[in-house]
Amino acid sequence: MQESLFFLAEQLVFCLLIPWGLSFILQTKLWIKLIKLMYSQNEQTFKLVCLVSGFIYLPLGLFLVFTHNDWELSPSVIVTLLGWLIVLKCFLLLLYPQIALKCRAIYLKSDFFLKWYMRICGILYILLGALVLTHFWIF
């Protein structure tokens, strides 16, 4: 049972990273609009969005941590690291949503910066998803 959950966690991460990465690259303008919309809200509304985001993503992070806490040096460790990073980010969003406001200046610098930031993140997500894919599928 534990082994099947282990591979389910890897498949879940692969199935999330690849579409997110492609979306960041192919829909960059829409992501920029979303980021600007979120950061243009007043502080109270933005903090509420942070709380909801932390609440929604925490189960995903906990699922990855509980089913895939493997620190063996292989592509599989990406899933473990991602799970712990999601849990950490969710705790920060739930306990200290003001921290996200400190990123506002970085994200709202310029459209040029955001465009390349989104594309680079998209490429990284695709590469990480492909690495995870190589661990559980053989072509």
N, C-alpha and C. Protein backbone atom coordinates (compact mmCIF):
# COMPACT_ATOMS: atom_id res chain seq x y z
N MET A 1 0.83 -1.20 0.00
CA MET A 1 0.00 0.00 0.00
C MET A 1 0.87 1.25 0.00
N GLN A 2 1.88 1.27 0.88
CA GLN A 2 2.75 2.45 0.99
C GLN A 2 3.48 2.72 -0.32
N GLU A 3 3.93 1.64 -0.99
CA GLU A 3 4.66 1.80 -2.24
C GLU A 3 3.76 2.37 -3.33
N SER A 4 2.50 1.97 -3.36
CA SER A 4 1.59 2.51 -4.38
C SER A 4 1.30 3.98 -4.12
N LEU A 5 1.21 4.40 -2.86
CA LEU A 5 1.03 5.81 -2.55
C LEU A 5 2.28 6.61 -2.92
N PHE A 6 3.44 6.00 -2.75
CA PHE A 6 4.71 6.62 -3.10
C PHE A 6 4.71 6.98 -4.59
N PHE A 7 4.33 6.02 -5.43
CA PHE A 7 4.31 6.27 -6.87
C PHE A 7 3.15 7.17 -7.27
N LEU A 8 2.05 7.11 -6.54
CA LEU A 8 0.94 8.02 -6.80
C LEU A 8 1.38 9.47 -6.57
N ALA A 9 2.15 9.70 -5.52
CA ALA A 9 2.66 11.05 -5.24
C ALA A 9 3.55 11.52 -6.39
N GLU A 10 4.40 10.65 -6.90
CA GLU A 10 5.25 11.03 -8.03
C GLU A 10 4.43 11.34 -9.27
N GLN A 11 3.44 10.52 -9.54
CA GLN A 11 2.59 10.75 -10.70
C GLN A 11 1.80 12.05 -10.55
N LEU A 12 1.34 12.32 -9.35
CA LEU A 12 0.61 13.56 -9.10
C LEU A 12 1.49 14.77 -9.37
N VAL A 13 2.72 14.73 -8.89
CA VAL A 13 3.63 15.85 -9.10
C VAL A 13 3.93 16.01 -10.59
N PHE A 14 4.16 14.91 -11.28
CA PHE A 14 4.40 14.99 -12.72
C PHE A 14 3.20 15.61 -13.42
N CYS A 15 2.00 15.15 -13.05
CA CYS A 15 0.77 15.63 -13.69
C CYS A 15 0.45 17.08 -13.34
N LEU A 16 1.05 17.61 -12.30
CA LEU A 16 0.87 19.02 -11.95
C LEU A 16 1.95 19.90 -12.59
N LEU A 17 3.20 19.47 -12.51
CA LEU A 17 4.31 20.32 -12.96
C LEU A 17 4.29 20.56 -14.47
N ILE A 18 4.06 19.53 -15.25
CA ILE A 18 4.10 19.69 -16.71
C ILE A 18 3.01 20.67 -17.19
N PRO A 19 1.74 20.48 -16.82
CA PRO A 19 0.73 21.46 -17.28
C PRO A 19 0.96 22.87 -16.74
N TRP A 20 1.40 22.98 -15.47
CA TRP A 20 1.69 24.32 -14.93
C TRP A 20 2.80 24.98 -15.74
N GLY A 21 3.86 24.23 -16.00
CA GLY A 21 4.97 24.78 -16.77
C GLY A 21 4.54 25.20 -18.16
N LEU A 22 3.79 24.35 -18.84
CA LEU A 22 3.30 24.71 -20.18
C LEU A 22 2.39 25.93 -20.13
N SER A 23 1.55 25.98 -19.11
CA SER A 23 0.65 27.13 -18.96
C SER A 23 1.43 28.42 -18.73
N PHE A 24 2.46 28.35 -17.89
CA PHE A 24 3.28 29.54 -17.63
C PHE A 24 3.93 30.04 -18.92
N ILE A 25 4.32 29.13 -19.80
CA ILE A 25 4.98 29.52 -21.05
C ILE A 25 3.97 29.97 -22.09
N LEU A 26 2.88 29.22 -22.26
CA LEU A 26 1.92 29.50 -23.32
C LEU A 26 0.90 30.58 -22.95
N GLN A 27 0.65 30.77 -21.67
CA GLN A 27 -0.35 31.74 -21.22
C GLN A 27 0.28 32.81 -20.32
N THR A 28 1.48 33.23 -20.66
CA THR A 28 2.22 34.18 -19.82
C THR A 28 1.41 35.44 -19.54
N LYS A 29 0.77 35.98 -20.57
CA LYS A 29 0.02 37.24 -20.39
C LYS A 29 -1.12 37.08 -19.38
N LEU A 30 -1.81 35.94 -19.43
CA LEU A 30 -2.89 35.72 -18.47
C LEU A 30 -2.36 35.58 -17.05
N TRP A 31 -1.23 34.89 -16.88
CA TRP A 31 -0.64 34.77 -15.54
C TRP A 31 -0.21 36.13 -15.01
N ILE A 32 0.33 36.98 -15.88
CA ILE A 32 0.72 38.33 -15.46
C ILE A 32 -0.51 39.10 -15.01
N LYS A 33 -1.61 38.98 -15.75
CA LYS A 33 -2.85 39.67 -15.35
C LYS A 33 -3.33 39.17 -13.99
N LEU A 34 -3.25 37.85 -13.77
CA LEU A 34 -3.67 37.29 -12.49
C LEU A 34 -2.80 37.81 -11.35
N ILE A 35 -1.49 37.82 -11.55
CA ILE A 35 -0.58 38.31 -10.52
C ILE A 35 -0.87 39.77 -10.21
N LYS A 36 -1.03 40.58 -11.25
CA LYS A 36 -1.32 42.00 -11.02
C LYS A 36 -2.67 42.20 -10.34
N LEU A 37 -3.66 41.39 -10.72
CA LEU A 37 -4.97 41.48 -10.08
C LEU A 37 -4.86 41.15 -8.60
N MET A 38 -4.15 40.07 -8.28
CA MET A 38 -4.00 39.69 -6.87
C MET A 38 -3.29 40.77 -6.07
N TYR A 39 -2.21 41.30 -6.60
CA TYR A 39 -1.42 42.27 -5.86
C TYR A 39 -2.03 43.67 -5.88
N SER A 40 -3.03 43.91 -6.74
CA SER A 40 -3.66 45.22 -6.76
C SER A 40 -4.79 45.33 -5.73
N GLN A 41 -5.16 44.22 -5.10
CA GLN A 41 -6.21 44.25 -4.08
C GLN A 41 -5.70 44.99 -2.85
N ASN A 42 -6.64 45.45 -2.05
CA ASN A 42 -6.21 46.08 -0.80
C ASN A 42 -5.59 45.00 0.09
N GLU A 43 -4.87 45.43 1.09
CA GLU A 43 -4.10 44.50 1.91
C GLU A 43 -4.97 43.44 2.59
N GLN A 44 -6.13 43.84 3.09
CA GLN A 44 -7.00 42.90 3.78
C GLN A 44 -7.48 41.80 2.84
N THR A 45 -7.92 42.17 1.64
CA THR A 45 -8.38 41.19 0.66
C THR A 45 -7.23 40.27 0.26
N PHE A 46 -6.06 40.84 0.06
CA PHE A 46 -4.91 40.04 -0.33
C PHE A 46 -4.54 39.03 0.75
N LYS A 47 -4.60 39.44 2.01
CA LYS A 47 -4.31 38.52 3.11
C LYS A 47 -5.33 37.39 3.15
N LEU A 48 -6.60 37.69 2.86
CA LEU A 48 -7.62 36.65 2.81
C LEU A 48 -7.34 35.65 1.69
N VAL A 49 -6.90 36.15 0.54
CA VAL A 49 -6.53 35.26 -0.57
C VAL A 49 -5.38 34.36 -0.14
N CYS A 50 -4.41 34.91 0.57
CA CYS A 50 -3.28 34.11 1.07
C CYS A 50 -3.76 33.02 2.01
N LEU A 51 -4.65 33.37 2.93
CA LEU A 51 -5.18 32.37 3.87
C LEU A 51 -5.89 31.24 3.13
N VAL A 52 -6.72 31.59 2.16
CA VAL A 52 -7.44 30.57 1.39
C VAL A 52 -6.46 29.70 0.61
N SER A 53 -5.46 30.32 0.00
CA SER A 53 -4.45 29.55 -0.75
C SER A 53 -3.73 28.58 0.16
N GLY A 54 -3.32 29.03 1.33
CA GLY A 54 -2.64 28.15 2.27
C GLY A 54 -3.53 27.00 2.70
N PHE A 55 -4.79 27.29 2.92
CA PHE A 55 -5.74 26.26 3.34
C PHE A 55 -5.97 25.23 2.23
N ILE A 56 -6.03 25.69 0.98
CA ILE A 56 -6.30 24.79 -0.15
C ILE A 56 -5.10 23.90 -0.47
N TYR A 57 -3.90 24.47 -0.45
CA TYR A 57 -2.71 23.71 -0.86
C TYR A 57 -2.09 22.88 0.25
N LEU A 58 -2.41 23.16 1.50
CA LEU A 58 -1.82 22.40 2.61
C LEU A 58 -2.07 20.90 2.50
N PRO A 59 -3.29 20.44 2.17
CA PRO A 59 -3.48 18.99 2.04
C PRO A 59 -2.59 18.35 0.96
N LEU A 60 -2.36 19.05 -0.14
CA LEU A 60 -1.46 18.52 -1.17
C LEU A 60 -0.05 18.35 -0.62
N GLY A 61 0.45 19.38 0.04
CA GLY A 61 1.79 19.30 0.62
C GLY A 61 1.90 18.20 1.66
N LEU A 62 0.89 18.10 2.53
CA LEU A 62 0.91 17.05 3.56
C LEU A 62 0.84 15.66 2.94
N PHE A 63 0.03 15.51 1.89
CA PHE A 63 -0.03 14.22 1.19
C PHE A 63 1.34 13.84 0.65
N LEU A 64 2.03 14.78 0.02
CA LEU A 64 3.36 14.49 -0.52
C LEU A 64 4.34 14.16 0.59
N VAL A 65 4.30 14.90 1.69
CA VAL A 65 5.22 14.66 2.80
C VAL A 65 4.95 13.30 3.45
N PHE A 66 3.68 12.97 3.68
CA PHE A 66 3.34 11.71 4.37
C PHE A 66 3.59 10.48 3.50
N THR A 67 3.40 10.60 2.19
CA THR A 67 3.53 9.43 1.32
C THR A 67 4.87 9.34 0.62
N HIS A 68 5.62 10.42 0.62
CA HIS A 68 6.84 10.44 -0.18
C HIS A 68 7.96 11.17 0.54
N ASN A 69 8.27 10.78 1.73
CA ASN A 69 9.34 11.41 2.49
C ASN A 69 10.62 10.62 2.29
N ASP A 70 11.14 10.68 1.07
CA ASP A 70 12.29 9.89 0.64
C ASP A 70 13.44 10.84 0.31
N TRP A 71 14.54 10.71 1.04
CA TRP A 71 15.67 11.62 0.85
C TRP A 71 16.83 10.97 0.10
N GLU A 72 16.56 9.86 -0.57
CA GLU A 72 17.58 9.20 -1.39
C GLU A 72 17.92 10.10 -2.58
N LEU A 73 19.19 10.22 -2.89
CA LEU A 73 19.62 11.11 -3.97
C LEU A 73 19.24 10.50 -5.32
N SER A 74 18.10 10.91 -5.83
CA SER A 74 17.58 10.47 -7.12
C SER A 74 16.55 11.51 -7.56
N PRO A 75 16.04 11.40 -8.79
CA PRO A 75 15.00 12.34 -9.21
C PRO A 75 13.79 12.33 -8.28
N SER A 76 13.61 11.25 -7.56
CA SER A 76 12.49 11.11 -6.63
C SER A 76 12.52 12.14 -5.51
N VAL A 77 13.70 12.62 -5.15
CA VAL A 77 13.82 13.58 -4.05
C VAL A 77 13.12 14.91 -4.40
N ILE A 78 12.91 15.17 -5.68
CA ILE A 78 12.19 16.38 -6.11
C ILE A 78 10.80 16.41 -5.49
N VAL A 79 10.14 15.26 -5.48
CA VAL A 79 8.79 15.17 -4.93
C VAL A 79 8.81 15.46 -3.43
N THR A 80 9.79 14.91 -2.74
CA THR A 80 9.91 15.15 -1.30
C THR A 80 10.17 16.63 -1.02
N LEU A 81 11.11 17.21 -1.74
CA LEU A 81 11.42 18.63 -1.54
C LEU A 81 10.20 19.51 -1.86
N LEU A 82 9.52 19.19 -2.94
CA LEU A 82 8.34 19.96 -3.31
C LEU A 82 7.27 19.87 -2.22
N GLY A 83 7.06 18.67 -1.69
CA GLY A 83 6.08 18.51 -0.61
C GLY A 83 6.42 19.36 0.59
N TRP A 84 7.69 19.32 1.02
CA TRP A 84 8.09 20.12 2.18
C TRP A 84 8.01 21.61 1.90
N LEU A 85 8.35 22.03 0.67
CA LEU A 85 8.24 23.45 0.33
C LEU A 85 6.79 23.92 0.32
N ILE A 86 5.89 23.07 -0.18
CA ILE A 86 4.47 23.42 -0.17
C ILE A 86 3.97 23.55 1.27
N VAL A 87 4.33 22.61 2.13
CA VAL A 87 3.91 22.67 3.54
C VAL A 87 4.45 23.94 4.20
N LEU A 88 5.72 24.23 3.99
CA LEU A 88 6.32 25.43 4.56
C LEU A 88 5.62 26.69 4.07
N LYS A 89 5.39 26.77 2.76
CA LYS A 89 4.72 27.95 2.21
C LYS A 89 3.31 28.09 2.77
N CYS A 90 2.59 26.97 2.87
CA CYS A 90 1.22 27.03 3.42
C CYS A 90 1.21 27.49 4.86
N PHE A 91 2.15 26.99 5.67
CA PHE A 91 2.22 27.45 7.06
C PHE A 91 2.50 28.95 7.11
N LEU A 92 3.40 29.43 6.25
CA LEU A 92 3.67 30.87 6.22
C LEU A 92 2.45 31.65 5.80
N LEU A 93 1.74 31.17 4.77
CA LEU A 93 0.53 31.88 4.32
C LEU A 93 -0.57 31.87 5.37
N LEU A 94 -0.68 30.77 6.11
CA LEU A 94 -1.72 30.67 7.13
C LEU A 94 -1.37 31.45 8.40
N LEU A 95 -0.12 31.44 8.78
CA LEU A 95 0.28 32.07 10.03
C LEU A 95 0.80 33.49 9.87
N TYR A 96 1.32 33.80 8.70
CA TYR A 96 1.92 35.12 8.48
C TYR A 96 1.67 35.58 7.05
N PRO A 97 0.40 35.87 6.68
CA PRO A 97 0.10 36.23 5.30
C PRO A 97 0.74 37.56 4.86
N GLN A 98 1.16 38.37 5.83
CA GLN A 98 1.81 39.63 5.48
C GLN A 98 3.11 39.42 4.70
N ILE A 99 3.71 38.23 4.87
CA ILE A 99 4.98 37.97 4.21
C ILE A 99 4.82 38.02 2.68
N ALA A 100 3.66 37.61 2.18
CA ALA A 100 3.43 37.64 0.74
C ALA A 100 3.40 39.08 0.21
N LEU A 101 2.98 40.02 1.07
CA LEU A 101 2.95 41.42 0.64
C LEU A 101 4.36 41.96 0.38
N LYS A 102 5.35 41.37 1.05
CA LYS A 102 6.73 41.83 0.85
C LYS A 102 7.24 41.48 -0.55
N CYS A 103 6.59 40.53 -1.19
CA CYS A 103 6.98 40.14 -2.56
C CYS A 103 6.36 41.06 -3.61
N ARG A 104 5.46 41.91 -3.20
CA ARG A 104 4.72 42.76 -4.14
C ARG A 104 5.66 43.59 -5.02
N ALA A 105 6.68 44.19 -4.42
CA ALA A 105 7.59 45.03 -5.19
C ALA A 105 8.34 44.22 -6.25
N ILE A 106 8.66 42.99 -5.93
CA ILE A 106 9.38 42.14 -6.89
C ILE A 106 8.47 41.78 -8.06
N TYR A 107 7.26 41.34 -7.76
CA TYR A 107 6.36 40.87 -8.80
C TYR A 107 5.79 41.99 -9.66
N LEU A 108 5.69 43.18 -9.11
CA LEU A 108 5.10 44.28 -9.87
C LEU A 108 6.15 45.19 -10.50
N LYS A 109 7.40 44.73 -10.54
CA LYS A 109 8.47 45.53 -11.11
C LYS A 109 8.14 46.00 -12.51
N SER A 110 7.95 45.04 -13.42
CA SER A 110 7.63 45.38 -14.80
C SER A 110 7.06 44.16 -15.48
N ASP A 111 6.33 44.41 -16.56
CA ASP A 111 5.80 43.30 -17.34
C ASP A 111 6.93 42.47 -17.94
N PHE A 112 8.01 43.14 -18.34
CA PHE A 112 9.15 42.44 -18.93
C PHE A 112 9.73 41.44 -17.92
N PHE A 113 9.93 41.90 -16.68
CA PHE A 113 10.46 41.03 -15.63
C PHE A 113 9.51 39.85 -15.39
N LEU A 114 8.21 40.13 -15.25
CA LEU A 114 7.25 39.07 -14.99
C LEU A 114 7.17 38.08 -16.14
N LYS A 115 7.24 38.58 -17.37
CA LYS A 115 7.16 37.70 -18.54
C LYS A 115 8.30 36.68 -18.51
N TRP A 116 9.50 37.14 -18.26
CA TRP A 116 10.63 36.23 -18.24
C TRP A 116 10.65 35.37 -16.99
N TYR A 117 10.20 35.91 -15.89
CA TYR A 117 10.09 35.13 -14.66
C TYR A 117 9.14 33.95 -14.86
N MET A 118 7.97 34.21 -15.46
CA MET A 118 6.99 33.15 -15.70
C MET A 118 7.54 32.11 -16.67
N ARG A 119 8.21 32.54 -17.70
CA ARG A 119 8.75 31.60 -18.69
C ARG A 119 9.86 30.74 -18.09
N ILE A 120 10.72 31.34 -17.31
CA ILE A 120 11.79 30.57 -16.68
C ILE A 120 11.20 29.57 -15.68
N CYS A 121 10.22 30.01 -14.90
CA CYS A 121 9.54 29.09 -13.97
C CYS A 121 8.87 27.96 -14.76
N GLY A 122 8.25 28.28 -15.88
CA GLY A 122 7.61 27.26 -16.71
C GLY A 122 8.61 26.23 -17.19
N ILE A 123 9.75 26.68 -17.67
CA ILE A 123 10.79 25.75 -18.13
C ILE A 123 11.28 24.88 -16.98
N LEU A 124 11.50 25.49 -15.81
CA LEU A 124 11.94 24.71 -14.64
C LEU A 124 10.90 23.66 -14.24
N TYR A 125 9.63 24.05 -14.24
CA TYR A 125 8.57 23.10 -13.88
C TYR A 125 8.55 21.92 -14.86
N ILE A 126 8.68 22.21 -16.15
CA ILE A 126 8.67 21.14 -17.15
C ILE A 126 9.87 20.22 -16.95
N LEU A 127 11.04 20.80 -16.71
CA LEU A 127 12.24 19.98 -16.49
C LEU A 127 12.12 19.13 -15.24
N LEU A 128 11.62 19.72 -14.16
CA LEU A 128 11.43 18.95 -12.92
C LEU A 128 10.39 17.85 -13.12
N GLY A 129 9.31 18.16 -13.81
CA GLY A 129 8.28 17.16 -14.10
C GLY A 129 8.84 16.02 -14.95
N ALA A 130 9.70 16.36 -15.92
CA ALA A 130 10.32 15.34 -16.76
C ALA A 130 11.27 14.47 -15.95
N LEU A 131 12.00 15.07 -15.02
CA LEU A 131 12.89 14.28 -14.15
C LEU A 131 12.10 13.30 -13.31
N VAL A 132 11.00 13.77 -12.75
CA VAL A 132 10.15 12.88 -11.95
C VAL A 132 9.59 11.77 -12.85
N LEU A 133 9.21 12.14 -14.05
CA LEU A 133 8.68 11.17 -15.01
C LEU A 133 9.68 10.05 -15.28
N THR A 134 10.95 10.40 -15.44
CA THR A 134 11.97 9.39 -15.72
C THR A 134 12.12 8.40 -14.58
N HIS A 135 11.73 8.80 -13.39
CA HIS A 135 11.88 7.90 -12.25
C HIS A 135 10.85 6.79 -12.22
N PHE A 136 9.64 7.05 -12.74
CA PHE A 136 8.61 6.02 -12.64
C PHE A 136 8.13 5.49 -13.97
N TRP A 137 8.59 6.05 -15.09
CA TRP A 137 8.20 5.53 -16.41
C TRP A 137 9.44 5.31 -17.24
N ILE A 138 9.47 4.22 -17.93
CA ILE A 138 10.59 3.95 -18.83
C ILE A 138 10.03 3.96 -20.24
N PHE A 139 10.62 4.76 -21.08
CA PHE A 139 10.15 4.83 -22.48
C PHE A 139 10.80 3.74 -23.29
